[in-house]
Amino acid sequence: MNGFDAEIYKMHDISGGLCTAWKREGYTFDGCIHWLVGSKPGTGYHRMWDKLGLVQGKTFISWEYYTQAVDERGAVFTAYTDPDRLEEHMSALDTEGGFFYRRA
């Protein structure tokens, strides 16, 4: 795209890497790029993506959160896009009976 010659080496017999999905215990985990870290203009990552030619002509939407997961008790983990809000949420869930708590 930017005029560079490149060689790609893969350990697997099909291409994809993290841009694939897999199933485990009845759930599908989609590892494709739906969230480009640093897409907000003015951030260091955005400047890098711009220099690499990845943001030109693209429309970015600033979502409140990236994804959610619910455990067997119904506790909800939300991966907020704001790091401070994510930290606050994870701290609140990391208590007895919370999403991350597991008895030994």
Protein backbone atom coordinates (compact mmCIF):
# COMPACT_ATOMS: atom_id res chain seq x y z
CA MET A 1 0.00 0.00 0.00
CA ASN A 2 2.84 2.40 0.81
CA GLY A 3 5.29 1.11 -1.76
CA PHE A 4 7.27 -1.21 0.52
CA ASP A 5 8.29 -4.75 -0.41
CA ALA A 6 7.29 -7.20 2.31
CA GLU A 7 7.55 -10.90 3.10
CA ILE A 8 5.08 -12.47 5.51
CA TYR A 9 5.97 -15.64 7.40
CA LYS A 10 3.21 -17.66 9.03
CA MET A 11 3.43 -20.54 11.49
CA HIS A 12 -0.04 -21.76 10.51
CA ASP A 13 -1.10 -23.18 7.16
CA ILE A 14 -3.80 -20.50 6.75
CA SER A 15 -3.49 -16.75 7.01
CA GLY A 16 -5.29 -14.68 9.59
CA GLY A 17 -3.50 -14.58 12.90
CA LEU A 18 -5.55 -12.45 15.27
CA CYS A 19 -7.94 -11.54 12.46
CA THR A 20 -9.80 -14.80 12.89
CA ALA A 21 -12.54 -16.15 15.12
CA TRP A 22 -12.64 -19.33 17.17
CA LYS A 23 -15.25 -21.28 19.15
CA ARG A 24 -14.91 -22.56 22.70
CA GLU A 25 -17.59 -24.13 24.88
CA GLY A 26 -20.44 -22.81 22.74
CA TYR A 27 -19.11 -19.24 22.49
CA THR A 28 -17.60 -17.54 19.45
CA PHE A 29 -14.63 -15.26 20.07
CA ASP A 30 -14.18 -12.77 17.24
CA GLY A 31 -10.59 -11.53 17.21
CA CYS A 32 -10.92 -9.35 14.12
CA ILE A 33 -10.12 -5.67 14.26
CA HIS A 34 -13.26 -3.86 15.31
CA TRP A 35 -11.45 -1.47 17.60
CA LEU A 36 -8.37 0.45 16.48
CA VAL A 37 -6.59 1.72 19.59
CA GLY A 38 -5.62 5.37 19.21
CA SER A 39 -8.07 6.26 16.46
CA LYS A 40 -9.02 9.49 18.25
CA PRO A 41 -7.30 12.45 16.53
CA GLY A 42 -4.58 14.07 18.62
CA THR A 43 -3.30 10.86 20.21
CA GLY A 44 0.15 9.40 19.62
CA TYR A 45 -1.28 6.27 18.06
CA HIS A 46 -3.45 8.31 15.69
CA ARG A 47 -0.37 10.17 14.46
CA MET A 48 1.35 6.82 13.86
CA TRP A 49 -1.70 5.35 12.05
CA ASP A 50 -1.82 8.54 9.96
CA LYS A 51 1.85 8.21 8.96
CA LEU A 52 1.25 4.57 8.02
CA GLY A 53 -1.65 5.58 5.79
CA LEU A 54 -4.34 3.80 7.81
CA VAL A 55 -6.68 6.66 8.73
CA GLN A 56 -7.03 8.63 5.50
CA GLY A 57 -10.60 8.59 4.27
CA LYS A 58 -11.81 6.49 7.22
CA THR A 59 -14.66 7.36 9.57
CA PHE A 60 -14.09 6.44 13.20
CA ILE A 61 -16.87 6.10 15.74
CA SER A 62 -16.05 6.69 19.42
CA TRP A 63 -17.92 3.94 21.26
CA GLU A 64 -18.62 4.03 25.00
CA TYR A 65 -17.42 0.44 25.33
CA TYR A 66 -15.76 -2.20 23.18
CA THR A 67 -17.49 -5.39 24.35
CA GLN A 68 -19.36 -7.00 27.24
CA ALA A 69 -19.30 -10.47 28.79
CA VAL A 70 -21.70 -12.07 31.26
CA ASP A 71 -20.63 -14.82 33.66
CA GLU A 72 -22.72 -17.75 34.88
CA ARG A 73 -24.14 -15.68 37.78
CA GLY A 74 -25.24 -12.86 35.49
CA ALA A 75 -22.45 -10.45 36.49
CA VAL A 76 -21.54 -8.20 33.54
CA PHE A 77 -18.01 -7.17 32.59
CA THR A 78 -17.89 -4.13 30.29
CA ALA A 79 -14.66 -3.28 28.44
CA TYR A 80 -15.05 0.52 28.46
CA THR A 81 -12.98 2.44 25.94
CA ASP A 82 -12.10 5.08 28.55
CA PRO A 83 -9.17 3.62 30.57
CA ASP A 84 -10.16 5.37 33.81
CA ARG A 85 -13.74 4.14 33.58
CA LEU A 86 -12.50 0.62 32.74
CA GLU A 87 -10.21 0.62 35.79
CA GLU A 88 -13.04 1.80 38.05
CA HIS A 89 -15.40 -0.84 36.65
CA MET A 90 -12.85 -3.66 37.01
CA SER A 91 -12.05 -2.63 40.59
CA ALA A 92 -15.75 -2.72 41.47
CA LEU A 93 -16.11 -6.19 39.94
CA ASP A 94 -13.02 -7.59 41.69
CA THR A 95 -14.83 -8.31 44.96
CA GLU A 96 -16.32 -11.45 46.49
CA GLY A 97 -19.21 -12.49 44.29
CA GLY A 98 -18.06 -10.18 41.48
CA PHE A 99 -17.19 -11.08 37.92
CA PHE A 100 -13.48 -11.82 38.53
CA TYR A 101 -13.84 -13.46 41.93
CA ARG A 102 -13.34 -17.23 41.99
CA ARG A 103 -13.26 -19.46 45.06
CA ALA A 104 -10.28 -21.80 45.27
